[in-house]
């Protein structure tokens, strides 16, 4: 039995209980105060070289420094939960009404806690290991806020690693892909302001009806233009036109879309096409309009050398590997880190028939904790940080 296997066998029950503690205090994006305090407490007990809290919100950056030259390895996990009620009966159910960890971020955090506890008893051989706990991943704001913080001082040569549990894949398998792994996405909305009129004389007002219908046509034309690019998804989310007043021709209207693409430049092109058409419509129809963009995620683009390194680490502990042909359609704001640093996001299978992410029946599988910790420790070995 290897040193890391022996360590994990010793701590797995304690790590499971810590995961349950995090699950009980689940907090939504931007409000992760209790979660961050608990993580900070556990990390400080592992004697890091330094720790910064309050990084871009409730973010945490803890560094373990060997004092010797070597690789700088950053392992990242997410702090936030989802605004989904806990509706399954589990002993560690969320105590926060209408909020629960239905994406498994509680499990992801525990992987890093396990690494910290290992490093407490097994000092680094070379280089640095940085444990990064990111707030507000679900809204796409956390990575940007951390990167813009004065407390974010990670060297540009650092290598970033993150995993996400993935239901629908065999338990404990590792899901890999070179280059783009997860899609870029954005929520875009247009609010048009015209002039109401009597429904008997709509020509005396300025209705946003034509602008909204035309943007729906824009969406369809873009779907046709990119029909051979299966990574492009344009979803109509919401429409509102006027009020339920049968004597009034509407003067206000809005339309919302979510747009997705596997390439950042394609997402920008789609966004700019909508924006150009909206501006032209407003000008020609005599409307004012507001444009809003929210929950913007860059594509997560993997460094191929780091993909190979994860593959080597997984092979060394006998994990099965699956290479996916196409990027995932969902988004991850780890993409902002991979835009600025060499990085890799990979998946770890939660089970073929396991409830889907964001599903009310989901609860991170405790038996996956050991695999996640073990794999991250093997990645540290690959980087010559530990024996």
Protein backbone atom coordinates (compact mmCIF):
# COMPACT_ATOMS: atom_id res chain seq x y z
CA UNK A 1 0.00 0.00 0.00
CA UNK A 2 1.41 3.40 -0.96
CA UNK A 3 1.82 6.25 1.49
CA UNK A 4 -1.05 8.17 -0.10
CA UNK A 5 -3.37 5.13 -0.05
CA UNK A 6 -2.61 4.56 3.62
CA UNK A 7 -3.24 8.22 4.42
CA UNK A 8 -6.59 8.26 2.61
CA UNK A 9 -7.76 5.12 4.39
CA UNK A 10 -6.99 6.87 7.68
CA UNK A 11 -8.87 10.09 6.92
CA UNK A 12 -11.75 9.06 4.64
CA UNK A 13 -14.33 8.86 7.44
CA UNK A 14 -13.34 12.27 8.77
CA UNK A 15 -13.44 13.75 5.27
CA UNK A 16 -16.92 12.32 4.77
CA UNK A 17 -18.12 14.01 7.96
CA UNK A 18 -16.55 17.30 6.87
CA UNK A 19 -18.39 17.04 3.54
CA UNK A 20 -21.63 16.59 5.45
CA UNK A 21 -20.88 19.69 7.53
CA UNK A 22 -20.42 21.72 4.36
CA UNK A 23 -23.62 20.30 2.91
CA UNK A 24 -25.63 21.40 5.93
CA UNK A 25 -24.55 25.04 5.64
CA UNK A 26 -24.98 25.34 1.85
CA UNK A 27 -24.90 28.97 0.65
CA UNK A 28 -25.67 30.52 -2.72
CA UNK A 29 -23.21 32.41 -4.91
CA UNK A 30 -21.77 35.51 -3.28
CA UNK A 31 -23.05 34.60 0.18
CA UNK A 32 -20.60 31.83 1.13
CA UNK A 33 -19.54 33.38 4.48
CA UNK A 34 -20.11 30.33 6.73
CA UNK A 35 -18.64 27.98 4.15
CA UNK A 36 -15.52 30.12 3.76
CA UNK A 37 -15.07 30.42 7.53
CA UNK A 38 -15.24 26.66 7.97
CA UNK A 39 -12.83 26.01 5.08
CA UNK A 40 -10.40 28.61 6.47
CA UNK A 41 -10.52 26.97 9.90
CA UNK A 42 -9.71 23.55 8.48
CA UNK A 43 -6.94 24.85 6.20
CA UNK A 44 -5.27 26.89 8.94
CA UNK A 45 -5.11 23.73 11.06
CA UNK A 46 -2.96 22.21 8.30
CA UNK A 47 -0.27 24.90 8.72
CA UNK A 48 -0.06 26.47 5.25
CA UNK A 49 2.80 28.85 4.52
CA UNK A 50 0.22 31.59 4.12
CA UNK A 51 -3.50 31.99 3.56
CA UNK A 52 -5.53 34.84 2.11
CA UNK A 53 -9.26 35.09 2.76
CA UNK A 54 -11.78 37.49 1.30
CA UNK A 55 -10.25 37.18 -2.17
CA UNK A 56 -12.79 38.55 -4.65
CA UNK A 57 -15.63 38.01 -2.22
CA UNK A 58 -15.32 34.95 0.01
CA UNK A 59 -12.49 33.37 -1.97
CA UNK A 60 -9.57 31.65 -0.24
CA UNK A 61 -6.01 31.14 -1.45
CA UNK A 62 -3.83 28.92 0.74
CA UNK A 63 -0.19 28.28 -0.18
CA UNK A 64 2.05 25.42 0.89
CA UNK A 65 5.62 26.40 -0.02
CA UNK A 66 8.59 24.03 0.03
CA UNK A 67 11.03 26.95 -0.11
CA UNK A 68 12.71 25.23 -3.04
CA UNK A 69 12.43 25.88 -6.78
CA UNK A 70 9.87 23.82 -8.62
CA UNK A 71 6.42 23.79 -10.13
CA UNK A 72 3.61 26.00 -8.87
CA UNK A 73 0.49 23.85 -8.79
CA UNK A 74 -2.94 25.37 -8.18
CA UNK A 75 -5.85 23.09 -7.26
CA UNK A 76 -9.24 24.77 -7.45
CA UNK A 77 -12.63 24.04 -5.88
CA UNK A 78 -15.90 25.97 -5.67
CA UNK A 79 -17.63 27.29 -2.54
CA UNK A 80 -21.18 27.94 -3.70
CA UNK A 81 -24.40 25.94 -3.68
CA UNK A 82 -27.61 26.35 -5.69
CA UNK A 83 -31.01 27.96 -4.99
CA UNK A 84 -32.66 24.53 -5.01
CA UNK A 85 -34.56 23.19 -1.97
CA UNK A 86 -33.28 20.07 -0.24
CA UNK A 87 -36.14 17.71 -0.98
CA UNK A 88 -34.52 14.33 -0.32
CA UNK A 89 -34.27 12.75 3.10
CA UNK A 90 -30.61 12.59 4.10
CA UNK A 91 -29.01 12.85 7.53
CA UNK A 92 -26.85 15.78 6.43
CA UNK A 93 -29.62 17.76 4.71
CA UNK A 94 -29.12 21.45 4.08
CA UNK A 95 -30.30 23.63 6.95
CA UNK A 96 -30.54 26.68 4.68
CA UNK A 97 -34.10 26.93 3.27
CA UNK A 98 -34.28 26.67 -0.52
CA UNK A 99 -30.49 26.24 -0.88
CA UNK A 100 -28.54 23.00 -1.29
CA UNK A 101 -25.39 21.54 -2.84
CA UNK A 102 -26.92 20.00 -5.96
CA UNK A 103 -23.75 20.36 -8.04
CA UNK A 104 -21.31 18.63 -5.70
CA UNK A 105 -19.17 21.61 -4.80
CA UNK A 106 -19.16 20.35 -1.21
CA UNK A 107 -17.37 17.23 -2.45
CA UNK A 108 -14.95 19.26 -4.58
CA UNK A 109 -13.96 21.32 -1.54
CA UNK A 110 -13.29 18.18 0.45
CA UNK A 111 -10.84 16.92 -2.19
CA UNK A 112 -8.70 19.97 -1.46
CA UNK A 113 -9.14 19.61 2.30
CA UNK A 114 -7.81 16.06 1.94
CA UNK A 115 -4.76 17.36 0.06
CA UNK A 116 -4.17 19.98 2.78
CA UNK A 117 -4.30 17.35 5.50
CA UNK A 118 -1.79 15.22 3.60
CA UNK A 119 0.57 18.17 3.23
CA UNK A 120 0.33 18.87 6.95
CA UNK A 121 2.06 15.56 7.64
CA UNK A 122 4.09 15.25 4.42
CA UNK A 123 5.90 18.50 3.60
CA UNK A 124 6.48 19.38 -0.03
CA UNK A 125 9.64 18.20 -1.73
CA UNK A 126 9.86 21.07 -4.24
CA UNK A 127 7.78 23.96 -5.54
CA UNK A 128 4.48 25.30 -4.25
CA UNK A 129 0.96 23.95 -3.95
CA UNK A 130 -1.84 26.51 -3.87
CA UNK A 131 -5.35 25.54 -2.83
CA UNK A 132 -7.86 27.96 -4.35
CA UNK A 133 -11.45 28.00 -3.13
CA UNK A 134 -13.56 30.07 -5.49
CA UNK A 135 -16.88 31.75 -4.68
CA UNK A 136 -19.76 32.36 -7.09
CA UNK A 137 -18.93 29.79 -9.75
CA UNK A 138 -22.56 29.21 -10.60
CA UNK A 139 -23.09 32.84 -11.64
CA UNK A 140 -19.81 33.15 -13.55
CA UNK A 141 -18.58 35.96 -11.27
CA UNK A 142 -16.22 34.22 -8.87
CA UNK A 143 -13.15 33.68 -11.03
CA UNK A 144 -13.29 37.22 -12.42
CA UNK A 145 -13.62 38.73 -8.95
CA UNK A 146 -10.69 36.70 -7.65
CA UNK A 147 -8.49 37.58 -10.62
CA UNK A 148 -9.27 41.28 -10.11
CA UNK A 149 -8.48 41.17 -6.39
CA UNK A 150 -5.29 42.75 -5.04
CA UNK A 151 -4.85 39.57 -3.02
CA UNK A 152 -4.55 37.45 -6.17
CA UNK A 153 -0.79 37.28 -6.69
CA UNK A 154 -0.33 33.84 -8.25
CA UNK A 155 2.65 33.69 -10.59
CA UNK A 156 1.92 33.47 -14.32
CA UNK A 157 3.87 30.19 -14.54
CA UNK A 158 1.40 28.40 -12.25
CA UNK A 159 -0.49 25.38 -13.55
CA UNK A 160 -4.19 25.18 -12.69
CA UNK A 161 -6.11 21.93 -12.15
CA UNK A 162 -9.81 21.42 -11.43
CA UNK A 163 -12.24 18.54 -11.62
CA UNK A 164 -15.99 18.27 -11.71
CA UNK A 165 -18.00 15.21 -10.82
CA UNK A 166 -20.09 14.08 -13.78
CA UNK A 167 -23.18 11.88 -13.42
CA UNK A 168 -23.81 9.74 -16.48
CA UNK A 169 -20.26 8.37 -16.57
CA UNK A 170 -18.97 5.20 -14.85
CA UNK A 171 -18.17 5.72 -11.18
CA UNK A 172 -14.58 6.82 -10.62
CA UNK A 173 -13.73 7.10 -14.30
CA UNK A 174 -11.76 10.13 -15.47
CA UNK A 175 -13.21 12.16 -18.34
CA UNK A 176 -10.66 14.02 -20.46
CA UNK A 177 -10.48 16.16 -23.56
CA UNK A 178 -7.74 18.14 -25.24
CA UNK A 179 -8.41 21.82 -25.90
CA UNK A 180 -12.03 22.96 -25.35
CA UNK A 181 -13.68 21.01 -22.51
CA UNK A 182 -16.68 23.20 -21.60
CA UNK A 183 -18.56 25.81 -23.60
CA UNK A 184 -18.65 29.57 -23.48
CA UNK A 185 -22.07 31.00 -22.66
CA UNK A 186 -23.88 34.22 -21.85
CA UNK A 187 -27.34 35.41 -20.96
CA UNK A 188 -28.37 38.38 -23.11
CA UNK A 189 -31.52 40.48 -22.87
CA UNK A 190 -33.03 43.44 -24.70
CA UNK A 191 -35.65 45.79 -23.23
CA UNK A 192 -37.41 48.03 -25.71
CA UNK A 193 -39.13 51.27 -24.74
CA UNK A 194 -41.73 52.77 -27.05
CA UNK A 195 -45.06 54.51 -26.47
CA UNK A 196 -48.40 53.05 -25.47
CA UNK A 197 -51.55 53.87 -27.38
CA UNK A 198 -55.22 52.97 -27.44
CA UNK A 199 -55.69 49.49 -28.85
CA UNK A 200 -58.14 50.95 -31.33
CA UNK A 201 -55.42 53.27 -32.65
CA UNK A 202 -52.12 51.34 -32.36
CA UNK A 203 -50.62 53.47 -35.14
CA UNK A 204 -50.46 56.45 -32.73
CA UNK A 205 -48.08 54.57 -30.43
CA UNK A 206 -44.72 52.85 -30.83
CA UNK A 207 -44.93 49.12 -30.12
CA UNK A 208 -41.86 46.88 -29.58
CA UNK A 209 -43.76 43.98 -31.18
CA UNK A 210 -41.85 44.02 -34.47
CA UNK A 211 -38.47 44.33 -32.74
CA UNK A 212 -39.14 41.28 -30.58
CA UNK A 213 -40.45 39.21 -33.49
CA UNK A 214 -37.44 40.17 -35.60
CA UNK A 215 -34.98 39.15 -32.87
CA UNK A 216 -36.73 35.78 -32.72
CA UNK A 217 -36.05 35.53 -36.46
CA UNK A 218 -32.44 36.55 -35.82
CA UNK A 219 -32.13 33.64 -33.43
CA UNK A 220 -33.45 31.20 -36.00
CA UNK A 221 -31.20 32.53 -38.77
CA UNK A 222 -28.18 32.17 -36.48
CA UNK A 223 -29.23 28.60 -35.64
CA UNK A 224 -29.30 27.84 -39.35
CA UNK A 225 -25.98 29.57 -39.96
CA UNK A 226 -24.28 27.45 -37.29
CA UNK A 227 -26.34 24.27 -37.71
CA UNK A 228 -23.19 22.26 -38.48
CA UNK A 229 -21.54 23.51 -35.29
CA UNK A 230 -23.18 21.36 -32.63
CA UNK A 231 -21.61 23.46 -29.90
CA UNK A 232 -23.80 26.45 -30.78
CA UNK A 233 -27.06 26.58 -28.83
CA UNK A 234 -29.37 29.61 -28.85
CA UNK A 235 -32.20 29.26 -26.35
CA UNK A 236 -35.11 31.65 -26.08
CA UNK A 237 -35.61 32.12 -22.33
CA UNK A 238 -38.26 34.79 -21.80
CA UNK A 239 -40.49 37.27 -23.64
CA UNK A 240 -42.71 40.00 -22.27
CA UNK A 241 -44.75 42.45 -24.34
CA UNK A 242 -47.02 45.06 -22.77
CA UNK A 243 -49.59 44.29 -20.10
CA UNK A 244 -52.80 42.30 -19.93
CA UNK A 245 -54.87 45.34 -20.83
CA UNK A 246 -57.03 44.74 -23.89
CA UNK A 247 -57.57 48.43 -24.52
CA UNK A 248 -53.86 49.26 -24.71
CA UNK A 249 -51.28 48.82 -27.46
CA UNK A 250 -47.97 47.97 -25.77
CA UNK A 251 -45.12 50.42 -25.33
CA UNK A 252 -42.69 48.16 -23.46
CA UNK A 253 -41.26 44.77 -24.32
CA UNK A 254 -38.29 42.52 -23.61
CA UNK A 255 -36.68 39.34 -24.87
CA UNK A 256 -34.01 37.13 -23.27
CA UNK A 257 -31.72 34.47 -24.75
CA UNK A 258 -28.99 32.17 -23.52
CA UNK A 259 -26.28 31.69 -26.12
CA UNK A 260 -23.63 28.96 -26.08
CA UNK A 261 -20.62 28.09 -28.23
CA UNK A 262 -17.47 26.04 -27.83
CA UNK A 263 -15.32 28.94 -29.08
CA UNK A 264 -15.19 32.38 -27.47
CA UNK A 265 -14.98 34.11 -30.85
CA UNK A 266 -18.15 32.39 -32.08
CA UNK A 267 -20.02 33.43 -28.94
CA UNK A 268 -18.88 37.03 -29.50
CA UNK A 269 -20.05 36.88 -33.12
CA UNK A 270 -23.51 35.67 -32.10
CA UNK A 271 -23.76 38.28 -29.35
CA UNK A 272 -22.65 41.09 -31.66
CA UNK A 273 -25.13 40.02 -34.35
CA UNK A 274 -28.00 40.26 -31.87
CA UNK A 275 -26.73 43.61 -30.63
CA UNK A 276 -26.34 45.03 -34.16
CA UNK A 277 -29.83 43.92 -35.17
CA UNK A 278 -31.38 45.32 -31.99
CA UNK A 279 -29.72 48.70 -32.55
CA UNK A 280 -30.91 48.84 -36.16
CA UNK A 281 -34.45 47.86 -35.16
CA UNK A 282 -34.62 50.45 -32.40
CA UNK A 283 -33.37 53.14 -34.76
CA UNK A 284 -35.79 52.28 -37.56
CA UNK A 285 -38.83 51.86 -35.32
CA UNK A 286 -38.23 54.83 -33.03
CA UNK A 287 -37.61 52.74 -29.94
CA UNK A 288 -35.17 53.13 -27.09
CA UNK A 289 -33.54 49.96 -25.82
CA UNK A 290 -31.38 48.59 -23.01
CA UNK A 291 -28.99 45.69 -23.48
CA UNK A 292 -27.90 43.49 -20.60
CA UNK A 293 -25.42 40.64 -20.50
CA UNK A 294 -25.22 38.34 -17.49
CA UNK A 295 -23.66 35.06 -16.32
CA UNK A 296 -20.92 35.31 -18.93
CA UNK A 297 -18.62 32.28 -19.09
CA UNK A 298 -15.53 31.89 -21.24
CA UNK A 299 -14.90 28.51 -22.87
CA UNK A 300 -12.71 26.29 -20.70
CA UNK A 301 -9.77 25.41 -22.93
CA UNK A 302 -7.41 22.74 -21.65
CA UNK A 303 -3.64 22.74 -22.02
CA UNK A 304 -2.90 19.48 -23.82
CA UNK A 305 0.30 18.81 -21.85
CA UNK A 306 -1.66 19.03 -18.61
CA UNK A 307 -4.34 16.71 -20.00
CA UNK A 308 -1.57 14.20 -20.63
CA UNK A 309 -0.32 14.72 -17.08
CA UNK A 310 -3.76 14.02 -15.61
CA UNK A 311 -3.98 10.92 -17.78
CA UNK A 312 -0.63 9.71 -16.43
CA UNK A 313 -1.74 10.36 -12.85
CA UNK A 314 -5.00 8.47 -13.40
CA UNK A 315 -3.19 5.53 -14.98
CA UNK A 316 -0.81 5.30 -12.04
CA UNK A 317 -3.70 4.57 -9.66
CA UNK A 318 -5.60 2.34 -12.07
CA UNK A 319 -8.50 4.60 -12.98
CA UNK A 320 -10.41 4.09 -16.20
CA UNK A 321 -10.29 6.99 -18.65
CA UNK A 322 -12.81 8.27 -21.15
CA UNK A 323 -11.92 10.77 -23.86
CA UNK A 324 -14.97 12.70 -25.04
CA UNK A 325 -15.15 13.72 -28.69
CA UNK A 326 -16.94 17.03 -28.21
CA UNK A 327 -16.82 19.78 -25.59
CA UNK A 328 -19.59 19.78 -23.01
CA UNK A 329 -22.38 22.28 -23.63
CA UNK A 330 -22.45 23.48 -20.04
CA UNK A 331 -20.15 26.25 -18.87
CA UNK A 332 -17.63 26.65 -16.07
CA UNK A 333 -15.93 29.88 -15.07
CA UNK A 334 -12.70 27.95 -14.68
CA UNK A 335 -12.43 29.13 -18.30
CA UNK A 336 -11.20 32.52 -17.06
CA UNK A 337 -8.30 30.77 -15.34
CA UNK A 338 -7.45 28.69 -18.41
CA UNK A 339 -7.50 31.90 -20.46
CA UNK A 340 -4.74 33.39 -18.31
CA UNK A 341 -2.84 30.31 -17.12
CA UNK A 342 -2.02 26.83 -18.36
CA UNK A 343 -4.83 24.77 -16.93
CA UNK A 344 -6.96 21.67 -17.23
CA UNK A 345 -10.51 20.84 -16.23
CA UNK A 346 -11.43 17.17 -16.19
CA UNK A 347 -14.36 15.09 -15.06
CA UNK A 348 -14.73 12.28 -12.57
CA UNK A 349 -17.63 9.91 -13.10
CA UNK A 350 -20.33 9.91 -10.39
CA UNK A 351 -22.12 6.87 -11.81
CA UNK A 352 -23.97 6.02 -15.00
CA UNK A 353 -27.43 6.12 -13.42
CA UNK A 354 -26.65 8.77 -10.79
CA UNK A 355 -29.04 11.77 -10.54
CA UNK A 356 -28.02 14.64 -12.79
CA UNK A 357 -26.30 17.80 -11.63
CA UNK A 358 -28.76 20.47 -10.45
CA UNK A 359 -31.42 17.78 -10.01
CA UNK A 360 -33.25 17.86 -6.67
CA UNK A 361 -32.36 14.18 -6.07
CA UNK A 362 -28.60 14.78 -6.42
CA UNK A 363 -26.19 14.43 -3.49
CA UNK A 364 -22.43 14.13 -4.01
CA UNK A 365 -21.41 10.45 -3.62
CA UNK A 366 -19.20 10.14 -0.54
CA UNK A 367 -17.37 7.13 -1.98
CA UNK A 368 -15.92 9.44 -4.63
CA UNK A 369 -13.99 11.52 -2.07
CA UNK A 370 -11.09 9.08 -1.81
CA UNK A 371 -10.68 8.92 -5.58
CA UNK A 372 -10.63 12.70 -5.92
CA UNK A 373 -8.06 13.18 -3.17
CA UNK A 374 -5.89 10.35 -4.49
CA UNK A 375 -5.91 11.76 -8.01
CA UNK A 376 -4.94 15.25 -6.90
CA UNK A 377 -2.07 13.79 -4.85
CA UNK A 378 -0.91 11.85 -7.92
CA UNK A 379 -0.97 15.10 -9.88
CA UNK A 380 1.32 16.59 -7.22
CA UNK A 381 3.62 13.61 -7.73
CA UNK A 382 3.61 14.22 -11.47
CA UNK A 383 4.77 17.77 -10.72
CA UNK A 384 7.53 16.47 -8.39
CA UNK A 385 5.98 18.29 -5.43
CA UNK A 386 5.68 15.19 -3.26
CA UNK A 387 7.21 11.72 -3.22
